[in-house]
Amino acid sequence: MKQRIITAIIAAAVFIPIVIIGGIPFTILVYLMGAIAVFELLRMKHIHIASIPGIISLILLWVILIPSEYNEFFTTLKFTKIELVLLIVLFILTYTVISKNNFSFDDAGLIILAALYIGFGFYYMIEIRALGLAYIFYAFVVIWTTDSGAYFVGRKLGKNKLWPEISPNKTIEGFIGGIVTAVVFALIFNMIADLFDSFISLFIVTLVVSIFGQIGDLVESALKRHYKVKDSGTLLPGHGGILDRFDSMLFILPILYFLRVIL
């Protein structure tokens, strides 16, 4: 626990100021975190990041991460970002032939999905930060309080397993406790930031974000269980890797962005 706290303090001291600064420094940080996350995921499959598939996966990730403010770049090139992503995907599939199936269709699917899963999650971190500092901190508050609430309520009251085949320690009581804790802290945060016009909107968005944040955590747990690894990496002592820390964020940031448009 002591190691976790020390790591959290150091990470926050580096991460939060860059989030506040925003702009290019924040975008560079997101690119770096995304690259590390892809490295962690590919390593589970024993695909080296310095290999041709690893490099292609990184290129695909970096293309996906290009912020919307640079859309004029694609207009100049006469094609869209989605079309460029498709071309890279086709090249990845072509490589299965070039490699004489030493790099299989399954491998291709893994690196494409890795880039999409991590890329779009971190892309919307950039986009939500561009909306304003309050939005990104709202996302952090909901995820952090969901995690904390689920942990403490689960330890105190947890009796019924949520999904033992995937994450044996998670309980239904903890799942609900995380949601309740997130709603309470989101309400307090909204009193300061005034992001939502009504309690109903605040409640709906926080409920959805908290639920999908916990699903995102379960998805990464299923991934690690499938590849038989305890943590995605060792970059953050006591916490694991980038994927371990941002698994929930990767799920909820696109959802939060779309909910903001709807509500």
Protein backbone atom coordinates (compact mmCIF):
# COMPACT_ATOMS: atom_id res chain seq x y z
CA MET A 1 0.00 0.00 0.00
CA LYS A 2 2.84 2.40 0.84
CA GLN A 3 4.41 1.81 -2.57
CA ARG A 4 1.05 2.40 -4.29
CA ILE A 5 0.60 5.71 -2.49
CA ILE A 6 4.12 6.93 -3.29
CA THR A 7 3.73 5.99 -6.96
CA ALA A 8 0.32 7.68 -7.12
CA ILE A 9 1.70 10.91 -5.65
CA ILE A 10 4.66 11.01 -8.05
CA ALA A 11 2.49 10.15 -11.06
CA ALA A 12 -0.07 12.80 -10.12
CA ALA A 13 2.69 15.39 -9.66
CA VAL A 14 3.77 14.76 -13.26
CA PHE A 15 0.41 14.06 -14.91
CA ILE A 16 -1.91 16.70 -13.43
CA PRO A 17 0.21 19.80 -14.28
CA ILE A 18 0.45 18.64 -17.91
CA VAL A 19 -3.32 18.07 -17.99
CA ILE A 20 -3.80 21.62 -16.71
CA ILE A 21 -1.37 23.04 -19.30
CA GLY A 22 -3.12 21.15 -22.10
CA GLY A 23 -2.22 21.80 -25.73
CA ILE A 24 0.84 20.22 -27.32
CA PRO A 25 2.46 19.05 -24.03
CA PHE A 26 -0.70 17.15 -23.14
CA THR A 27 -1.02 15.68 -26.64
CA ILE A 28 2.61 14.49 -26.51
CA LEU A 29 1.97 12.86 -23.13
CA VAL A 30 -1.10 11.06 -24.48
CA TYR A 31 0.87 9.83 -27.51
CA LEU A 32 3.55 8.50 -25.15
CA MET A 33 1.04 6.76 -22.87
CA GLY A 34 -0.74 5.27 -25.88
CA ALA A 35 2.54 3.89 -27.27
CA ILE A 36 3.42 2.33 -23.91
CA ALA A 37 -0.07 0.80 -23.64
CA VAL A 38 0.26 -0.76 -27.11
CA PHE A 39 3.69 -2.09 -26.15
CA GLU A 40 2.19 -3.68 -23.01
CA LEU A 41 -0.65 -5.32 -24.92
CA LEU A 42 1.54 -6.64 -27.74
CA ARG A 43 4.00 -8.03 -25.22
CA MET A 44 1.22 -10.21 -23.79
CA LYS A 45 0.97 -11.80 -27.26
CA HIS A 46 4.79 -11.97 -27.52
CA ILE A 47 4.86 -9.53 -30.44
CA HIS A 48 7.94 -7.30 -30.15
CA ILE A 49 7.29 -3.59 -30.50
CA ALA A 50 10.43 -3.26 -32.68
CA SER A 51 9.12 -5.83 -35.17
CA ILE A 52 7.36 -4.87 -38.42
CA PRO A 53 3.90 -5.67 -36.98
CA GLY A 54 4.75 -3.72 -33.81
CA ILE A 55 5.88 -0.67 -35.77
CA ILE A 56 2.79 -0.80 -38.01
CA SER A 57 0.59 -1.01 -34.92
CA LEU A 58 2.29 2.08 -33.50
CA ILE A 59 1.81 3.97 -36.77
CA LEU A 60 -1.87 2.99 -36.78
CA LEU A 61 -2.18 4.19 -33.17
CA TRP A 62 -0.49 7.53 -33.93
CA VAL A 63 -2.78 8.14 -36.89
CA ILE A 64 -5.86 7.45 -34.77
CA LEU A 65 -4.58 9.84 -32.09
CA ILE A 66 -4.28 12.82 -34.45
CA PRO A 67 -6.55 15.47 -32.85
CA SER A 68 -9.56 16.81 -34.74
CA GLU A 69 -7.97 20.28 -34.83
CA TYR A 70 -5.58 18.89 -37.48
CA ASN A 71 -8.35 17.72 -39.82
CA GLU A 72 -7.19 20.29 -42.38
CA PHE A 73 -4.07 18.15 -42.82
CA PHE A 74 -6.23 15.35 -44.23
CA THR A 75 -8.18 17.78 -46.38
CA THR A 76 -4.88 18.78 -47.96
CA LEU A 77 -4.03 15.12 -48.59
CA LYS A 78 -7.45 14.58 -50.24
CA PHE A 79 -8.51 11.70 -47.97
CA THR A 80 -9.89 11.25 -44.46
CA LYS A 81 -8.28 9.82 -41.35
CA ILE A 82 -10.61 6.81 -41.50
CA GLU A 83 -9.43 6.08 -45.05
CA LEU A 84 -5.79 6.23 -43.91
CA VAL A 85 -6.60 3.87 -41.04
CA LEU A 86 -8.21 1.48 -43.55
CA LEU A 87 -5.10 1.57 -45.76
CA ILE A 88 -2.90 0.67 -42.79
CA VAL A 89 -5.26 -2.19 -41.86
CA LEU A 90 -5.04 -3.51 -45.43
CA PHE A 91 -1.25 -3.33 -45.25
CA ILE A 92 -1.29 -5.29 -41.99
CA LEU A 93 -3.40 -8.00 -43.64
CA THR A 94 -1.06 -7.99 -46.63
CA TYR A 95 1.83 -8.66 -44.28
CA THR A 96 0.27 -12.00 -43.33
CA VAL A 97 0.95 -13.05 -46.95
CA ILE A 98 4.42 -11.48 -47.10
CA SER A 99 5.40 -13.30 -43.90
CA LYS A 100 4.07 -16.59 -45.34
CA ASN A 101 1.62 -16.77 -42.43
CA ASN A 102 4.34 -16.62 -39.77
CA PHE A 103 2.40 -13.52 -38.85
CA SER A 104 -1.13 -14.92 -38.86
CA PHE A 105 -4.59 -13.46 -39.32
CA ASP A 106 -5.08 -13.82 -35.55
CA ASP A 107 -1.92 -11.76 -34.96
CA ALA A 108 -3.16 -9.14 -37.41
CA GLY A 109 -6.49 -8.97 -35.60
CA LEU A 110 -4.73 -8.48 -32.29
CA ILE A 111 -2.56 -5.56 -33.37
CA ILE A 112 -5.44 -3.87 -35.23
CA LEU A 113 -7.77 -4.20 -32.26
CA ALA A 114 -5.01 -3.10 -29.87
CA ALA A 115 -4.48 0.10 -31.85
CA LEU A 116 -8.23 0.78 -32.13
CA TYR A 117 -9.02 0.01 -28.48
CA ILE A 118 -6.15 2.05 -27.08
CA GLY A 119 -6.13 4.65 -29.85
CA PHE A 120 -9.75 5.75 -29.69
CA GLY A 121 -9.72 5.77 -25.88
CA PHE A 122 -6.73 8.09 -25.73
CA TYR A 123 -7.95 10.09 -28.76
CA TYR A 124 -11.03 11.08 -26.80
CA MET A 125 -8.84 12.03 -23.86
CA ILE A 126 -7.33 14.68 -26.14
CA GLU A 127 -10.74 15.71 -27.47
CA ILE A 128 -12.36 15.97 -24.04
CA ARG A 129 -9.43 18.02 -22.73
CA ALA A 130 -9.98 20.35 -25.70
CA LEU A 131 -13.57 20.89 -24.51
CA GLY A 132 -12.28 22.31 -21.25
CA LEU A 133 -10.37 21.38 -18.13
CA ALA A 134 -13.56 20.71 -16.15
CA TYR A 135 -14.62 17.87 -18.49
CA ILE A 136 -11.41 15.89 -18.15
CA PHE A 137 -11.33 16.35 -14.38
CA TYR A 138 -14.96 15.23 -14.20
CA ALA A 139 -13.91 12.00 -15.95
CA PHE A 140 -11.05 11.52 -13.49
CA VAL A 141 -13.29 12.20 -10.48
CA VAL A 142 -15.92 9.67 -11.62
CA ILE A 143 -13.37 6.92 -12.38
CA TRP A 144 -11.22 7.45 -9.29
CA THR A 145 -14.21 7.61 -6.92
CA THR A 146 -15.82 4.60 -8.62
CA ASP A 147 -12.63 2.59 -8.10
CA SER A 148 -12.26 3.72 -4.49
CA GLY A 149 -15.92 3.22 -3.64
CA ALA A 150 -15.98 -0.24 -5.21
CA TYR A 151 -12.81 -1.24 -3.34
CA PHE A 152 -13.85 -0.08 0.14
CA VAL A 153 -17.52 -1.07 -0.09
CA GLY A 154 -16.50 -4.42 -1.57
CA ARG A 155 -14.08 -5.09 1.26
CA LYS A 156 -16.57 -4.06 3.93
CA LEU A 157 -19.85 -5.40 2.59
CA GLY A 158 -18.98 -7.60 -0.39
CA LYS A 159 -20.49 -11.09 -0.29
CA ASN A 160 -21.79 -11.80 -3.79
CA LYS A 161 -19.21 -12.22 -6.53
CA LEU A 162 -19.70 -9.99 -9.57
CA TRP A 163 -17.84 -12.06 -12.17
CA PRO A 164 -15.57 -14.61 -10.50
CA GLU A 165 -14.38 -16.17 -13.77
CA ILE A 166 -12.87 -12.81 -14.77
CA SER A 167 -12.07 -10.99 -11.53
CA PRO A 168 -12.51 -13.13 -8.39
CA ASN A 169 -12.24 -10.23 -5.92
CA LYS A 170 -14.95 -7.98 -7.37
CA THR A 171 -18.41 -8.10 -5.80
CA ILE A 172 -21.89 -6.89 -6.72
CA GLU A 173 -21.92 -4.80 -3.53
CA GLY A 174 -18.64 -3.17 -4.57
CA PHE A 175 -19.99 -2.54 -8.07
CA ILE A 176 -23.03 -0.71 -6.67
CA GLY A 177 -20.94 1.05 -4.02
CA GLY A 178 -18.64 2.41 -6.73
CA ILE A 179 -21.60 3.87 -8.63
CA VAL A 180 -23.10 5.49 -5.53
CA THR A 181 -19.75 6.97 -4.52
CA ALA A 182 -19.21 8.34 -8.03
CA VAL A 183 -22.65 10.01 -8.09
CA VAL A 184 -22.03 11.67 -4.70
CA PHE A 185 -18.63 13.05 -5.69
CA ALA A 186 -19.84 14.05 -9.16
CA LEU A 187 -22.59 16.08 -7.49
CA ILE A 188 -20.00 17.83 -5.31
CA PHE A 189 -17.75 18.42 -8.33
CA ASN A 190 -20.66 19.86 -10.32
CA MET A 191 -21.35 22.38 -7.56
CA ILE A 192 -17.86 23.74 -8.24
CA ALA A 193 -17.53 23.26 -12.00
CA ASP A 194 -21.20 23.68 -13.04
CA LEU A 195 -20.94 21.27 -15.99
CA PHE A 196 -24.52 19.98 -15.92
CA ASP A 197 -27.71 22.03 -16.00
CA SER A 198 -29.78 19.51 -14.08
CA PHE A 199 -29.34 16.73 -11.56
CA ILE A 200 -31.03 14.31 -13.98
CA SER A 201 -28.34 14.90 -16.63
CA LEU A 202 -25.60 14.62 -14.03
CA PHE A 203 -27.06 11.40 -12.65
CA ILE A 204 -27.55 9.73 -16.06
CA VAL A 205 -24.06 10.59 -17.35
CA THR A 206 -22.35 9.63 -14.09
CA LEU A 207 -24.32 6.38 -13.87
CA VAL A 208 -23.38 5.36 -17.42
CA VAL A 209 -19.75 6.45 -17.07
CA SER A 210 -19.33 4.65 -13.73
CA ILE A 211 -20.88 1.42 -15.04
CA PHE A 212 -18.80 1.38 -18.23
CA GLY A 213 -15.70 2.34 -16.29
CA GLN A 214 -16.09 -0.84 -14.26
CA ILE A 215 -16.79 -2.82 -17.44
CA GLY A 216 -13.57 -1.41 -18.90
CA ASP A 217 -11.71 -2.67 -15.85
CA LEU A 218 -13.27 -6.12 -16.31
CA VAL A 219 -12.32 -6.16 -19.99
CA GLU A 220 -8.66 -5.63 -19.10
CA SER A 221 -8.93 -8.26 -16.36
CA ALA A 222 -10.28 -10.71 -18.95
CA LEU A 223 -7.44 -9.80 -21.29
CA LYS A 224 -4.79 -10.42 -18.63
CA ARG A 225 -6.45 -13.67 -17.56
CA HIS A 226 -6.49 -14.85 -21.17
CA TYR A 227 -2.77 -14.17 -21.57
CA LYS A 228 -2.00 -15.36 -18.02
CA VAL A 229 -0.30 -12.18 -16.78
CA LYS A 230 -0.82 -10.45 -13.45
CA ASP A 231 -0.23 -6.87 -14.63
CA SER A 232 0.03 -5.26 -18.06
CA GLY A 233 3.42 -3.78 -17.13
CA THR A 234 5.73 -2.60 -14.36
CA LEU A 235 6.05 1.09 -15.21
CA LEU A 236 4.04 2.16 -12.15
CA PRO A 237 5.24 0.18 -9.09
CA GLY A 238 2.28 -1.03 -7.05
CA HIS A 239 -0.13 -0.14 -9.86
CA GLY A 240 1.14 -2.15 -12.84
CA GLY A 241 1.32 -0.59 -16.28
CA ILE A 242 -0.43 2.12 -18.27
CA LEU A 243 -3.21 -0.27 -19.30
CA ASP A 244 -3.79 -1.19 -15.66
CA ARG A 245 -4.27 2.46 -14.71
CA PHE A 246 -6.21 3.64 -17.77
CA ASP A 247 -8.35 0.59 -18.57
CA SER A 248 -11.50 2.30 -17.31
CA MET A 249 -10.62 5.61 -18.99
CA LEU A 250 -10.21 3.96 -22.38
CA PHE A 251 -13.82 2.79 -22.15
CA ILE A 252 -15.53 5.84 -20.71
CA LEU A 253 -13.90 8.74 -22.57
CA PRO A 254 -15.57 8.01 -25.96
CA ILE A 255 -18.86 7.40 -24.15
CA LEU A 256 -18.57 10.63 -22.17
CA TYR A 257 -17.83 12.57 -25.35
CA PHE A 258 -20.94 11.19 -27.09
CA LEU A 259 -23.15 11.64 -24.01
CA ARG A 260 -22.12 15.30 -23.85
CA VAL A 261 -23.46 15.73 -27.40
CA ILE A 262 -26.73 13.93 -26.63
CA LEU A 263 -27.40 15.52 -23.24
